[in-house]
């Protein structure tokens, strides 16, 4: 085996490692972190569509679809932590960034909504 091929395999392995690490980060918070935030009065914000929310959601969560979030920020309490959820964790990751840029002090990506039920 030549050195070039070995280097290529090593680079591919690192690429796979970093891709998996990124995917796992999108999965959301640990159950302990969710429990801690909830004990401090966190609100669960579900950014899925109305239809997705109607088909199932975490008890007590509020639904503001991602495409409406920027126009409805005034409906959220900036004084309480927010746990943002969706179907997989990708929309909630985007919403987390949007909320942080809008000045919300404590926002967490909860990942899939079933994890916070």
PDB file of N, CA and C in Angstrom:
ATOM      1  N   UNK A   1       0.849  -1.169   0.000  1.00  0.00           N
ATOM      2  CA  UNK A   1       0.000   0.000   0.000  1.00  0.00           C
ATOM      3  C   UNK A   1       0.903   1.243   0.000  1.00  0.00           C
ATOM      4  N   UNK A   2       0.583   2.208  -0.844  1.00  0.00           N
ATOM      5  CA  UNK A   2       1.435   3.392  -0.899  1.00  0.00           C
ATOM      6  C   UNK A   2       1.005   4.442   0.117  1.00  0.00           C
ATOM      7  N   UNK A   3       1.882   5.373   0.373  1.00  0.00           N
ATOM      8  CA  UNK A   3       1.659   6.404   1.384  1.00  0.00           C
ATOM      9  C   UNK A   3       0.470   7.308   1.036  1.00  0.00           C
ATOM     10  N   UNK A   4       0.277   7.591  -0.220  1.00  0.00           N
ATOM     11  CA  UNK A   4      -0.840   8.437  -0.643  1.00  0.00           C
ATOM     12  C   UNK A   4      -2.191   7.821  -0.320  1.00  0.00           C
ATOM     13  N   UNK A   5      -2.293   6.515  -0.535  1.00  0.00           N
ATOM     14  CA  UNK A   5      -3.553   5.826  -0.258  1.00  0.00           C
ATOM     15  C   UNK A   5      -3.830   5.786   1.250  1.00  0.00           C
ATOM     16  N   UNK A   6      -2.805   5.574   2.052  1.00  0.00           N
ATOM     17  CA  UNK A   6      -2.952   5.567   3.516  1.00  0.00           C
ATOM     18  C   UNK A   6      -3.415   6.940   3.992  1.00  0.00           C
ATOM     19  N   UNK A   7      -2.796   7.985   3.463  1.00  0.00           N
ATOM     20  CA  UNK A   7      -3.179   9.347   3.836  1.00  0.00           C
ATOM     21  C   UNK A   7      -4.642   9.608   3.480  1.00  0.00           C
ATOM     22  N   UNK A   8      -5.067   9.127   2.329  1.00  0.00           N
ATOM     23  CA  UNK A   8      -6.455   9.294   1.908  1.00  0.00           C
ATOM     24  C   UNK A   8      -7.407   8.592   2.869  1.00  0.00           C
ATOM     25  N   UNK A   9      -7.087   7.379   3.295  1.00  0.00           N
ATOM     26  CA  UNK A   9      -7.915   6.646   4.265  1.00  0.00           C
ATOM     27  C   UNK A   9      -7.982   7.379   5.609  1.00  0.00           C
ATOM     28  N   UNK A  10      -6.872   7.914   6.041  1.00  0.00           N
ATOM     29  CA  UNK A  10      -6.842   8.645   7.310  1.00  0.00           C
ATOM     30  C   UNK A  10      -7.716   9.891   7.213  1.00  0.00           C
ATOM     31  N   UNK A  11      -7.608  10.625   6.123  1.00  0.00           N
ATOM     32  CA  UNK A  11      -8.446  11.816   5.936  1.00  0.00           C
ATOM     33  C   UNK A  11      -9.927  11.450   5.884  1.00  0.00           C
ATOM     34  N   UNK A  12     -10.258  10.369   5.211  1.00  0.00           N
ATOM     35  CA  UNK A  12     -11.653   9.920   5.144  1.00  0.00           C
ATOM     36  C   UNK A  12     -12.172   9.545   6.528  1.00  0.00           C
ATOM     37  N   UNK A  13     -11.351   8.881   7.318  1.00  0.00           N
ATOM     38  CA  UNK A  13     -11.749   8.495   8.673  1.00  0.00           C
ATOM     39  C   UNK A  13     -12.021   9.731   9.529  1.00  0.00           C
ATOM     40  N   UNK A  14     -11.162  10.736   9.425  1.00  0.00           N
ATOM     41  CA  UNK A  14     -11.387  11.980  10.176  1.00  0.00           C
ATOM     42  C   UNK A  14     -12.662  12.673   9.707  1.00  0.00           C
ATOM     43  N   UNK A  15     -12.912  12.657   8.408  1.00  0.00           N
ATOM     44  CA  UNK A  15     -14.129  13.257   7.879  1.00  0.00           C
ATOM     45  C   UNK A  15     -15.379  12.596   8.427  1.00  0.00           C
ATOM     46  N   UNK A  16     -15.378  11.280   8.454  1.00  0.00           N
ATOM     47  CA  UNK A  16     -16.514  10.533   9.002  1.00  0.00           C
ATOM     48  C   UNK A  16     -16.687  10.851  10.489  1.00  0.00           C
ATOM     49  N   UNK A  17     -15.590  10.909  11.222  1.00  0.00           N
ATOM     50  CA  UNK A  17     -15.640  11.223  12.653  1.00  0.00           C
ATOM     51  C   UNK A  17     -16.301  12.580  12.884  1.00  0.00           C
ATOM     52  N   UNK A  18     -15.866  13.605  12.157  1.00  0.00           N
ATOM     53  CA  UNK A  18     -16.414  14.949  12.355  1.00  0.00           C
ATOM     54  C   UNK A  18     -17.864  15.041  11.897  1.00  0.00           C
ATOM     55  N   UNK A  19     -18.243  14.325  10.858  1.00  0.00           N
ATOM     56  CA  UNK A  19     -19.628  14.294  10.423  1.00  0.00           C
ATOM     57  C   UNK A  19     -20.519  13.662  11.485  1.00  0.00           C
ATOM     58  N   UNK A  20     -20.103  12.541  12.041  1.00  0.00           N
ATOM     59  CA  UNK A  20     -20.878  11.887  13.100  1.00  0.00           C
ATOM     60  C   UNK A  20     -20.992  12.764  14.333  1.00  0.00           C
ATOM     61  N   UNK A  21     -19.919  13.436  14.687  1.00  0.00           N
ATOM     62  CA  UNK A  21     -19.942  14.335  15.847  1.00  0.00           C
ATOM     63  C   UNK A  21     -20.957  15.460  15.630  1.00  0.00           C
ATOM     64  N   UNK A  22     -21.011  16.014  14.430  1.00  0.00           N
ATOM     65  CA  UNK A  22     -21.964  17.065  14.111  1.00  0.00           C
ATOM     66  C   UNK A  22     -23.393  16.542  14.179  1.00  0.00           C
ATOM     67  N   UNK A  23     -23.635  15.378  13.620  1.00  0.00           N
ATOM     68  CA  UNK A  23     -24.976  14.789  13.654  1.00  0.00           C
ATOM     69  C   UNK A  23     -25.424  14.538  15.086  1.00  0.00           C
ATOM     70  N   UNK A  24     -24.546  14.026  15.911  1.00  0.00           N
ATOM     71  CA  UNK A  24     -24.908  13.757  17.304  1.00  0.00           C
ATOM     72  C   UNK A  24     -25.205  15.037  18.066  1.00  0.00           C
ATOM     73  N   UNK A  25     -24.550  16.115  17.743  1.00  0.00           N
ATOM     74  CA  UNK A  25     -24.841  17.396  18.390  1.00  0.00           C
ATOM     75  C   UNK A  25     -26.237  17.883  18.041  1.00  0.00           C
ATOM     76  N   UNK A  26     -26.721  17.579  16.835  1.00  0.00           N
ATOM     77  CA  UNK A  26     -28.059  17.984  16.435  1.00  0.00           C
ATOM     78  C   UNK A  26     -29.134  17.211  17.181  1.00  0.00           C
ATOM     79  N   UNK A  27     -28.785  16.097  17.758  1.00  0.00           N
ATOM     80  CA  UNK A  27     -29.755  15.255  18.455  1.00  0.00           C
ATOM     81  C   UNK A  27     -30.308  15.912  19.708  1.00  0.00           C
ATOM     82  N   UNK A  28     -29.647  16.906  20.238  1.00  0.00           N
ATOM     83  CA  UNK A  28     -30.211  17.645  21.348  1.00  0.00           C
ATOM     84  C   UNK A  28     -29.553  17.374  22.684  1.00  0.00           C
ATOM     85  N   UNK A  29     -30.247  17.781  23.720  1.00  0.00           N
ATOM     86  CA  UNK A  29     -29.753  17.744  25.086  1.00  0.00           C
ATOM     87  C   UNK A  29     -29.875  16.365  25.714  1.00  0.00           C
ATOM     88  N   UNK A  30     -29.088  16.161  26.748  1.00  0.00           N
ATOM     89  CA  UNK A  30     -29.215  14.929  27.528  1.00  0.00           C
ATOM     90  C   UNK A  30     -30.488  15.004  28.376  1.00  0.00           C
ATOM     91  N   UNK A  31     -31.020  13.870  28.800  1.00  0.00           N
ATOM     92  CA  UNK A  31     -32.199  13.885  29.671  1.00  0.00           C
ATOM     93  C   UNK A  31     -31.957  14.677  30.962  1.00  0.00           C
ATOM     94  N   UNK A  32     -30.735  14.625  31.474  1.00  0.00           N
ATOM     95  CA  UNK A  32     -30.410  15.376  32.699  1.00  0.00           C
ATOM     96  C   UNK A  32     -30.467  16.885  32.454  1.00  0.00           C
ATOM     97  N   UNK A  33     -29.951  17.315  31.322  1.00  0.00           N
ATOM     98  CA  UNK A  33     -29.971  18.747  31.001  1.00  0.00           C
ATOM     99  C   UNK A  33     -31.403  19.232  30.792  1.00  0.00           C
ATOM    100  N   UNK A  34     -32.232  18.417  30.159  1.00  0.00           N
ATOM    101  CA  UNK A  34     -33.641  18.769  29.958  1.00  0.00           C
ATOM    102  C   UNK A  34     -34.340  18.900  31.307  1.00  0.00           C
ATOM    103  N   UNK A  35     -34.119  17.942  32.197  1.00  0.00           N
ATOM    104  CA  UNK A  35     -34.734  17.984  33.530  1.00  0.00           C
ATOM    105  C   UNK A  35     -34.284  19.217  34.297  1.00  0.00           C
ATOM    106  N   UNK A  36     -33.006  19.566  34.196  1.00  0.00           N
ATOM    107  CA  UNK A  36     -32.495  20.755  34.878  1.00  0.00           C
ATOM    108  C   UNK A  36     -33.174  22.018  34.356  1.00  0.00           C
ATOM    109  N   UNK A  37     -33.261  22.157  33.041  1.00  0.00           N
ATOM    110  CA  UNK A  37     -33.902  23.341  32.470  1.00  0.00           C
ATOM    111  C   UNK A  37     -35.376  23.415  32.855  1.00  0.00           C
ATOM    112  N   UNK A  38     -36.062  22.281  32.813  1.00  0.00           N
ATOM    113  CA  UNK A  38     -37.476  22.265  33.197  1.00  0.00           C
ATOM    114  C   UNK A  38     -37.659  22.634  34.666  1.00  0.00           C
ATOM    115  N   UNK A  39     -36.741  22.191  35.520  1.00  0.00           N
ATOM    116  CA  UNK A  39     -36.841  22.526  36.946  1.00  0.00           C
ATOM    117  C   UNK A  39     -36.658  24.020  37.186  1.00  0.00           C
ATOM    118  N   UNK A  40     -36.039  24.698  36.240  1.00  0.00           N
ATOM    119  CA  UNK A  40     -35.850  26.145  36.332  1.00  0.00           C
ATOM    120  C   UNK A  40     -36.898  26.919  35.537  1.00  0.00           C
ATOM    121  N   UNK A  41     -37.978  26.229  35.158  1.00  0.00           N
ATOM    122  CA  UNK A  41     -39.108  26.892  34.516  1.00  0.00           C
ATOM    123  C   UNK A  41     -39.005  27.057  33.014  1.00  0.00           C
ATOM    124  N   UNK A  42     -38.195  26.244  32.368  1.00  0.00           N
ATOM    125  CA  UNK A  42     -38.026  26.364  30.916  1.00  0.00           C
ATOM    126  C   UNK A  42     -39.335  26.100  30.187  1.00  0.00           C
ATOM    127  N   UNK A  43     -39.530  26.817  29.101  1.00  0.00           N
ATOM    128  CA  UNK A  43     -40.651  26.601  28.191  1.00  0.00           C
ATOM    129  C   UNK A  43     -40.167  25.757  27.027  1.00  0.00           C
ATOM    130  N   UNK A  44     -40.991  24.842  26.563  1.00  0.00           N
ATOM    131  CA  UNK A  44     -40.660  24.038  25.383  1.00  0.00           C
ATOM    132  C   UNK A  44     -41.312  24.700  24.178  1.00  0.00           C
ATOM    133  N   UNK A  45     -40.475  25.068  23.215  1.00  0.00           N
ATOM    134  CA  UNK A  45     -40.931  25.710  21.989  1.00  0.00           C
ATOM    135  C   UNK A  45     -40.762  24.728  20.840  1.00  0.00           C
ATOM    136  N   UNK A  46     -41.864  24.350  20.228  1.00  0.00           N
ATOM    137  CA  UNK A  46     -41.867  23.402  19.110  1.00  0.00           C
ATOM    138  C   UNK A  46     -41.956  24.206  17.816  1.00  0.00           C
ATOM    139  N   UNK A  47     -40.945  24.097  16.953  1.00  0.00           N
ATOM    140  CA  UNK A  47     -40.899  24.905  15.732  1.00  0.00           C
ATOM    141  C   UNK A  47     -41.330  24.128  14.486  1.00  0.00           C
ATOM    142  N   UNK A  48     -42.001  22.995  14.689  1.00  0.00           N
ATOM    143  CA  UNK A  48     -42.526  22.241  13.551  1.00  0.00           C
ATOM    144  C   UNK A  48     -43.774  22.942  12.998  1.00  0.00           C
ATOM    145  N   UNK A  49     -44.252  22.476  11.860  1.00  0.00           N
ATOM    146  CA  UNK A  49     -45.471  23.038  11.277  1.00  0.00           C
ATOM    147  C   UNK A  49     -46.673  22.739  12.166  1.00  0.00           C
ATOM    148  N   UNK A  50     -47.760  23.454  11.920  1.00  0.00           N
ATOM    149  CA  UNK A  50     -48.996  23.205  12.685  1.00  0.00           C
ATOM    150  C   UNK A  50     -49.464  21.763  12.540  1.00  0.00           C
ATOM    151  N   UNK A  51     -49.388  21.244  11.321  1.00  0.00           N
ATOM    152  CA  UNK A  51     -49.836  19.867  11.068  1.00  0.00           C
ATOM    153  C   UNK A  51     -48.981  18.864  11.827  1.00  0.00           C
ATOM    154  N   UNK A  52     -47.666  19.073  11.835  1.00  0.00           N
ATOM    155  CA  UNK A  52     -46.776  18.175  12.586  1.00  0.00           C
ATOM    156  C   UNK A  52     -47.092  18.240  14.073  1.00  0.00           C
ATOM    157  N   UNK A  53     -47.288  19.455  14.582  1.00  0.00           N
ATOM    158  CA  UNK A  53     -47.595  19.647  15.993  1.00  0.00           C
ATOM    159  C   UNK A  53     -48.915  18.977  16.357  1.00  0.00           C
ATOM    160  N   UNK A  54     -49.913  19.099  15.479  1.00  0.00           N
ATOM    161  CA  UNK A  54     -51.233  18.497  15.732  1.00  0.00           C
ATOM    162  C   UNK A  54     -51.163  16.973  15.773  1.00  0.00           C
ATOM    163  N   UNK A  55     -50.190  16.405  15.083  1.00  0.00           N
ATOM    164  CA  UNK A  55     -50.091  14.940  15.061  1.00  0.00           C
ATOM    165  C   UNK A  55     -49.402  14.377  16.307  1.00  0.00           C
ATOM    166  N   UNK A  56     -48.865  15.237  17.155  1.00  0.00           N
ATOM    167  CA  UNK A  56     -48.239  14.831  18.404  1.00  0.00           C
ATOM    168  C   UNK A  56     -47.253  15.877  18.864  1.00  0.00           C
ATOM    169  N   UNK A  57     -47.231  16.124  20.175  1.00  0.00           N
ATOM    170  CA  UNK A  57     -46.317  17.125  20.732  1.00  0.00           C
ATOM    171  C   UNK A  57     -46.128  16.892  22.230  1.00  0.00           C
ATOM    172  N   UNK A  58     -45.112  17.522  22.773  1.00  0.00           N
ATOM    173  CA  UNK A  58     -44.842  17.427  24.205  1.00  0.00           C
ATOM    174  C   UNK A  58     -45.901  18.218  24.970  1.00  0.00           C
ATOM    175  N   UNK A  59     -46.390  17.649  26.047  1.00  0.00           N
ATOM    176  CA  UNK A  59     -47.395  18.291  26.881  1.00  0.00           C
ATOM    177  C   UNK A  59     -46.893  19.654  27.357  1.00  0.00           C
ATOM    178  N   UNK A  60     -47.704  20.686  27.167  1.00  0.00           N
ATOM    179  CA  UNK A  60     -47.358  22.018  27.630  1.00  0.00           C
ATOM    180  C   UNK A  60     -46.468  22.818  26.686  1.00  0.00           C
ATOM    181  N   UNK A  61     -46.090  22.229  25.570  1.00  0.00           N
ATOM    182  CA  UNK A  61     -45.228  22.953  24.642  1.00  0.00           C
ATOM    183  C   UNK A  61     -46.044  23.967  23.842  1.00  0.00           C
ATOM    184  N   UNK A  62     -45.358  24.989  23.373  1.00  0.00           N
ATOM    185  CA  UNK A  62     -45.989  26.003  22.538  1.00  0.00           C
ATOM    186  C   UNK A  62     -45.472  25.815  21.112  1.00  0.00           C
ATOM    187  N   UNK A  63     -46.370  25.969  20.144  1.00  0.00           N
ATOM    188  CA  UNK A  63     -46.013  25.768  18.744  1.00  0.00           C
ATOM    189  C   UNK A  63     -45.927  27.108  18.024  1.00  0.00           C
ATOM    190  N   UNK A  64     -44.735  27.434  17.578  1.00  0.00           N
ATOM    191  CA  UNK A  64     -44.521  28.556  16.670  1.00  0.00           C
ATOM    192  C   UNK A  64     -43.657  28.001  15.541  1.00  0.00           C
ATOM    193  N   UNK A  65     -44.263  27.749  14.368  1.00  0.00           N
ATOM    194  CA  UNK A  65     -43.487  27.194  13.258  1.00  0.00           C
ATOM    195  C   UNK A  65     -42.276  28.073  12.932  1.00  0.00           C
ATOM    196  N   UNK A  66     -41.209  27.433  12.521  1.00  0.00           N
ATOM    197  CA  UNK A  66     -39.956  28.133  12.258  1.00  0.00           C
ATOM    198  C   UNK A  66     -40.133  29.302  11.301  1.00  0.00           C
ATOM    199  N   UNK A  67     -40.954  29.137  10.268  1.00  0.00           N
ATOM    200  CA  UNK A  67     -41.125  30.221   9.301  1.00  0.00           C
ATOM    201  C   UNK A  67     -41.899  31.414   9.855  1.00  0.00           C
ATOM    202  N   UNK A  68     -42.491  31.284  11.053  1.00  0.00           N
ATOM    203  CA  UNK A  68     -43.216  32.379  11.698  1.00  0.00           C
ATOM    204  C   UNK A  68     -42.477  32.939  12.919  1.00  0.00           C
ATOM    205  N   UNK A  69     -41.412  32.282  13.309  1.00  0.00           N
ATOM    206  CA  UNK A  69     -40.758  32.592  14.587  1.00  0.00           C
ATOM    207  C   UNK A  69     -40.304  34.039  14.694  1.00  0.00           C
ATOM    208  N   UNK A  70     -39.641  34.550  13.688  1.00  0.00           N
ATOM    209  CA  UNK A  70     -39.117  35.908  13.770  1.00  0.00           C
ATOM    210  C   UNK A  70     -40.218  36.940  14.013  1.00  0.00           C
ATOM    211  N   UNK A  71     -41.387  36.730  13.446  1.00  0.00           N
ATOM    212  CA  UNK A  71     -42.495  37.655  13.611  1.00  0.00           C
ATOM    213  C   UNK A  71     -43.294  37.458  14.887  1.00  0.00           C
ATOM    214  N   UNK A  72     -42.992  36.411  15.642  1.00  0.00           N
ATOM    215  CA  UNK A  72     -43.773  36.112  16.856  1.00  0.00           C
ATOM    216  C   UNK A  72     -42.912  36.059  18.125  1.00  0.00           C
ATOM    217  N   UNK A  73     -41.746  36.654  18.087  1.00  0.00           N
ATOM    218  CA  UNK A  73     -40.841  36.615  19.240  1.00  0.00           C
ATOM    219  C   UNK A  73     -41.463  37.227  20.496  1.00  0.00           C
ATOM    220  N   UNK A  74     -42.349  38.197  20.323  1.00  0.00           N
ATOM    221  CA  UNK A  74     -42.967  38.863  21.475  1.00  0.00           C
ATOM    222  C   UNK A  74     -43.843  37.919  22.287  1.00  0.00           C
ATOM    223  N   UNK A  75     -44.202  36.765  21.746  1.00  0.00           N
ATOM    224  CA  UNK A  75     -45.018  35.785  22.465  1.00  0.00           C
ATOM    225  C   UNK A  75     -44.203  34.966  23.464  1.00  0.00           C
ATOM    226  N   UNK A  76     -42.894  35.102  23.415  1.00  0.00           N
ATOM    227  CA  UNK A  76     -42.014  34.298  24.267  1.00  0.00           C
ATOM    228  C   UNK A  76     -41.464  35.126  25.415  1.00  0.00           C
ATOM    229  N   UNK A  77     -41.326  34.494  26.571  1.00  0.00           N
ATOM    230  CA  UNK A  77     -40.804  35.138  27.778  1.00  0.00           C
ATOM    231  C   UNK A  77     -39.282  35.068  27.774  1.00  0.00           C
ATOM    232  N   UNK A  78     -38.647  36.213  27.687  1.00  0.00           N
ATOM    233  CA  UNK A  78     -37.184  36.260  27.672  1.00  0.00           C
ATOM    234  C   UNK A  78     -36.584  35.938  29.038  1.00  0.00           C
ATOM    235  N   UNK A  79     -37.402  35.944  30.063  1.00  0.00           N
ATOM    236  CA  UNK A  79     -36.921  35.698  31.414  1.00  0.00           C
ATOM    237  C   UNK A  79     -36.831  34.225  31.801  1.00  0.00           C
ATOM    238  N   UNK A  80     -37.302  33.355  30.930  1.00  0.00           N
ATOM    239  CA  UNK A  80     -37.266  31.915  31.213  1.00  0.00           C
ATOM    240  C   UNK A  80     -36.432  31.206  30.153  1.00  0.00           C
ATOM    241  N   UNK A  81     -35.768  30.124  30.543  1.00  0.00           N
ATOM    242  CA  UNK A  81     -35.027  29.355  29.538  1.00  0.00           C
ATOM    243  C   UNK A  81     -35.991  28.765  28.506  1.00  0.00           C
ATOM    244  N   UNK A  82     -35.492  28.573  27.298  1.00  0.00           N
ATOM    245  CA  UNK A  82     -36.271  27.954  26.231  1.00  0.00           C
ATOM    246  C   UNK A  82     -35.589  26.670  25.785  1.00  0.00           C
ATOM    247  N   UNK A  83     -36.386  25.633  25.605  1.00  0.00           N
ATOM    248  CA  UNK A  83     -35.920  24.390  24.999  1.00  0.00           C
ATOM    249  C   UNK A  83     -36.631  24.306  23.660  1.00  0.00           C
ATOM    250  N   UNK A  84     -35.883  24.413  22.576  1.00  0.00           N
ATOM    251  CA  UNK A  84     -36.467  24.408  21.238  1.00  0.00           C
ATOM    252  C   UNK A  84     -36.398  22.995  20.674  1.00  0.00           C
ATOM    253  N   UNK A  85     -37.524  22.519  20.146  1.00  0.00           N
ATOM    254  CA  UNK A  85     -37.598  21.164  19.593  1.00  0.00           C
ATOM    255  C   UNK A  85     -38.232  21.192  18.204  1.00  0.00           C
ATOM    256  N   UNK A  86     -38.014  20.100  17.470  1.00  0.00           N
ATOM    257  CA  UNK A  86     -38.640  19.904  16.158  1.00  0.00           C
ATOM    258  C   UNK A  86     -38.734  18.399  15.929  1.00  0.00           C
ATOM    259  N   UNK A  87     -38.618  17.947  14.698  1.00  0.00           N
ATOM    260  CA  UNK A  87     -38.706  16.515  14.409  1.00  0.00           C
ATOM    261  C   UNK A  87     -37.365  15.814  14.585  1.00  0.00           C
ATOM    262  N   UNK A  88     -36.276  16.465  14.178  1.00  0.00           N
ATOM    263  CA  UNK A  88     -34.964  15.806  14.200  1.00  0.00           C
ATOM    264  C   UNK A  88     -33.884  16.577  14.960  1.00  0.00           C
ATOM    265  N   UNK A  89     -34.072  17.852  15.145  1.00  0.00           N
ATOM    266  CA  UNK A  89     -33.048  18.684  15.790  1.00  0.00           C
ATOM    267  C   UNK A  89     -32.427  19.706  14.857  1.00  0.00           C
ATOM    268  N   UNK A  90     -32.697  19.603  13.563  1.00  0.00           N
ATOM    269  CA  UNK A  90     -32.078  20.552  12.634  1.00  0.00           C
ATOM    270  C   UNK A  90     -32.812  21.890  12.619  1.00  0.00           C
ATOM    271  N   UNK A  91     -34.133  21.893  12.549  1.00  0.00           N
ATOM    272  CA  UNK A  91     -34.876  23.166  12.601  1.00  0.00           C
ATOM    273  C   UNK A  91     -34.717  23.834  13.957  1.00  0.00           C
ATOM    274  N   UNK A  92     -34.686  23.033  15.015  1.00  0.00           N
ATOM    275  CA  UNK A  92     -34.512  23.623  16.346  1.00  0.00           C
ATOM    276  C   UNK A  92     -33.120  24.228  16.500  1.00  0.00           C
ATOM    277  N   UNK A  93     -32.121  23.664  15.839  1.00  0.00           N
ATOM    278  CA  UNK A  93     -30.772  24.255  15.867  1.00  0.00           C
ATOM    279  C   UNK A  93     -30.788  25.618  15.196  1.00  0.00           C
ATOM    280  N   UNK A  94     -31.484  25.722  14.068  1.00  0.00           N
ATOM    281  CA  UNK A  94     -31.597  27.002  13.372  1.00  0.00           C
ATOM    282  C   UNK A  94     -32.368  28.003  14.233  1.00  0.00           C
ATOM    283  N   UNK A  95     -33.473  27.547  14.843  1.00  0.00           N
ATOM    284  CA  UNK A  95     -34.276  28.425  15.696  1.00  0.00           C
ATOM    285  C   UNK A  95     -33.475  28.910  16.901  1.00  0.00           C
ATOM    286  N   UNK A  96     -32.657  28.046  17.467  1.00  0.00           N
ATOM    287  CA  UNK A  96     -31.807  28.423  18.604  1.00  0.00           C
ATOM    288  C   UNK A  96     -30.912  29.595  18.222  1.00  0.00           C
ATOM    289  N   UNK A  97     -30.291  29.507  17.072  1.00  0.00           N
ATOM    290  CA  UNK A  97     -29.431  30.591  16.601  1.00  0.00           C
ATOM    291  C   UNK A  97     -30.225  31.875  16.412  1.00  0.00           C
ATOM    292  N   UNK A  98     -31.397  31.771  15.811  1.00  0.00           N
ATOM    293  CA  UNK A  98     -32.248  32.937  15.601  1.00  0.00           C
ATOM    294  C   UNK A  98     -32.625  33.588  16.929  1.00  0.00           C
ATOM    295  N   UNK A  99     -33.022  32.785  17.905  1.00  0.00           N
ATOM    296  CA  UNK A  99     -33.422  33.304  19.211  1.00  0.00           C
ATOM    297  C   UNK A  99     -32.248  33.949  19.945  1.00  0.00           C
ATOM    298  N   UNK A 100     -31.089  33.347  19.867  1.00  0.00           N
ATOM    299  CA  UNK A 100     -29.913  33.931  20.518  1.00  0.00           C
ATOM    300  C   UNK A 100     -29.565  35.276  19.890  1.00  0.00           C
ATOM    301  N   UNK A 101     -29.647  35.365  18.577  1.00  0.00           N
ATOM    302  CA  UNK A 101     -29.382  36.646  17.891  1.00  0.00           C
ATOM    303  C   UNK A 101     -30.416  37.703  18.247  1.00  0.00           C
ATOM    304  N   UNK A 102     -31.630  37.254  18.600  1.00  0.00           N
ATOM    305  CA  UNK A 102     -32.691  38.182  18.991  1.00  0.00           C
ATOM    306  C   UNK A 102     -32.582  38.581  20.462  1.00  0.00           C
ATOM    307  N   UNK A 103     -31.574  38.072  21.161  1.00  0.00           N
ATOM    308  CA  UNK A 103     -31.329  38.488  22.533  1.00  0.00           C
ATOM    309  C   UNK A 103     -31.889  37.597  23.620  1.00  0.00           C
ATOM    310  N   UNK A 104     -32.377  36.409  23.273  1.00  0.00           N
ATOM    311  CA  UNK A 104     -32.850  35.497  24.311  1.00  0.00           C
ATOM    312  C   UNK A 104     -31.626  34.930  25.026  1.00  0.00           C
ATOM    313  N   UNK A 105     -31.572  35.069  26.350  1.00  0.00           N
ATOM    314  CA  UNK A 105     -30.343  34.729  27.079  1.00  0.00           C
ATOM    315  C   UNK A 105     -30.059  33.242  27.257  1.00  0.00           C
ATOM    316  N   UNK A 106     -31.094  32.413  27.318  1.00  0.00           N
ATOM    317  CA  UNK A 106     -30.855  30.983  27.567  1.00  0.00           C
ATOM    318  C   UNK A 106     -31.746  30.142  26.674  1.00  0.00           C
ATOM    319  N   UNK A 107     -31.145  29.624  25.610  1.00  0.00           N
ATOM    320  CA  UNK A 107     -31.863  28.821  24.619  1.00  0.00           C
ATOM    321  C   UNK A 107     -31.083  27.531  24.415  1.00  0.00           C
ATOM    322  N   UNK A 108     -31.792  26.410  24.418  1.00  0.00           N
ATOM    323  CA  UNK A 108     -31.154  25.106  24.224  1.00  0.00           C
ATOM    324  C   UNK A 108     -31.863  24.360  23.106  1.00  0.00           C
ATOM    325  N   UNK A 109     -31.089  23.652  22.300  1.00  0.00           N
ATOM    326  CA  UNK A 109     -31.651  22.797  21.265  1.00  0.00           C
ATOM    327  C   UNK A 109     -32.004  21.462  21.912  1.00  0.00           C
ATOM    328  N   UNK A 110     -33.293  21.203  22.066  1.00  0.00           N
ATOM    329  CA  UNK A 110     -33.739  19.957  22.672  1.00  0.00           C
ATOM    330  C   UNK A 110     -33.762  18.785  21.725  1.00  0.00           C
ATOM    331  N   UNK A 111     -33.585  19.051  20.421  1.00  0.00           N
ATOM    332  CA  UNK A 111     -33.606  17.972  19.445  1.00  0.00           C
ATOM    333  C   UNK A 111     -35.020  17.529  19.139  1.00  0.00           C
ATOM    334  N   UNK A 112     -35.240  16.243  18.909  1.00  0.00           N
ATOM    335  CA  UNK A 112     -36.579  15.736  18.602  1.00  0.00           C
ATOM    336  C   UNK A 112     -37.548  15.965  19.769  1.00  0.00           C
ATOM    337  N   UNK A 113     -38.771  16.354  19.450  1.00  0.00           N
ATOM    338  CA  UNK A 113     -39.749  16.716  20.478  1.00  0.00           C
ATOM    339  C   UNK A 113     -40.041  15.597  21.457  1.00  0.00           C
ATOM    340  N   UNK A 114     -39.927  14.349  21.030  1.00  0.00           N
ATOM    341  CA  UNK A 114     -40.243  13.221  21.908  1.00  0.00           C
ATOM    342  C   UNK A 114     -39.300  13.156  23.107  1.00  0.00           C
ATOM    343  N   UNK A 115     -38.122  13.736  23.006  1.00  0.00           N
ATOM    344  CA  UNK A 115     -37.149  13.675  24.096  1.00  0.00           C
ATOM    345  C   UNK A 115     -37.548  14.538  25.292  1.00  0.00           C
ATOM    346  N   UNK A 116     -38.419  15.527  25.082  1.00  0.00           N
ATOM    347  CA  UNK A 116     -38.785  16.421  26.183  1.00  0.00           C
ATOM    348  C   UNK A 116     -40.151  16.099  26.757  1.00  0.00           C
ATOM    349  N   UNK A 117     -40.804  15.060  26.250  1.00  0.00           N
ATOM    350  CA  UNK A 117     -42.142  14.693  26.736  1.00  0.00           C
ATOM    351  C   UNK A 117     -42.101  14.141  28.140  1.00  0.00           C
TER     352      UNK A 117
END
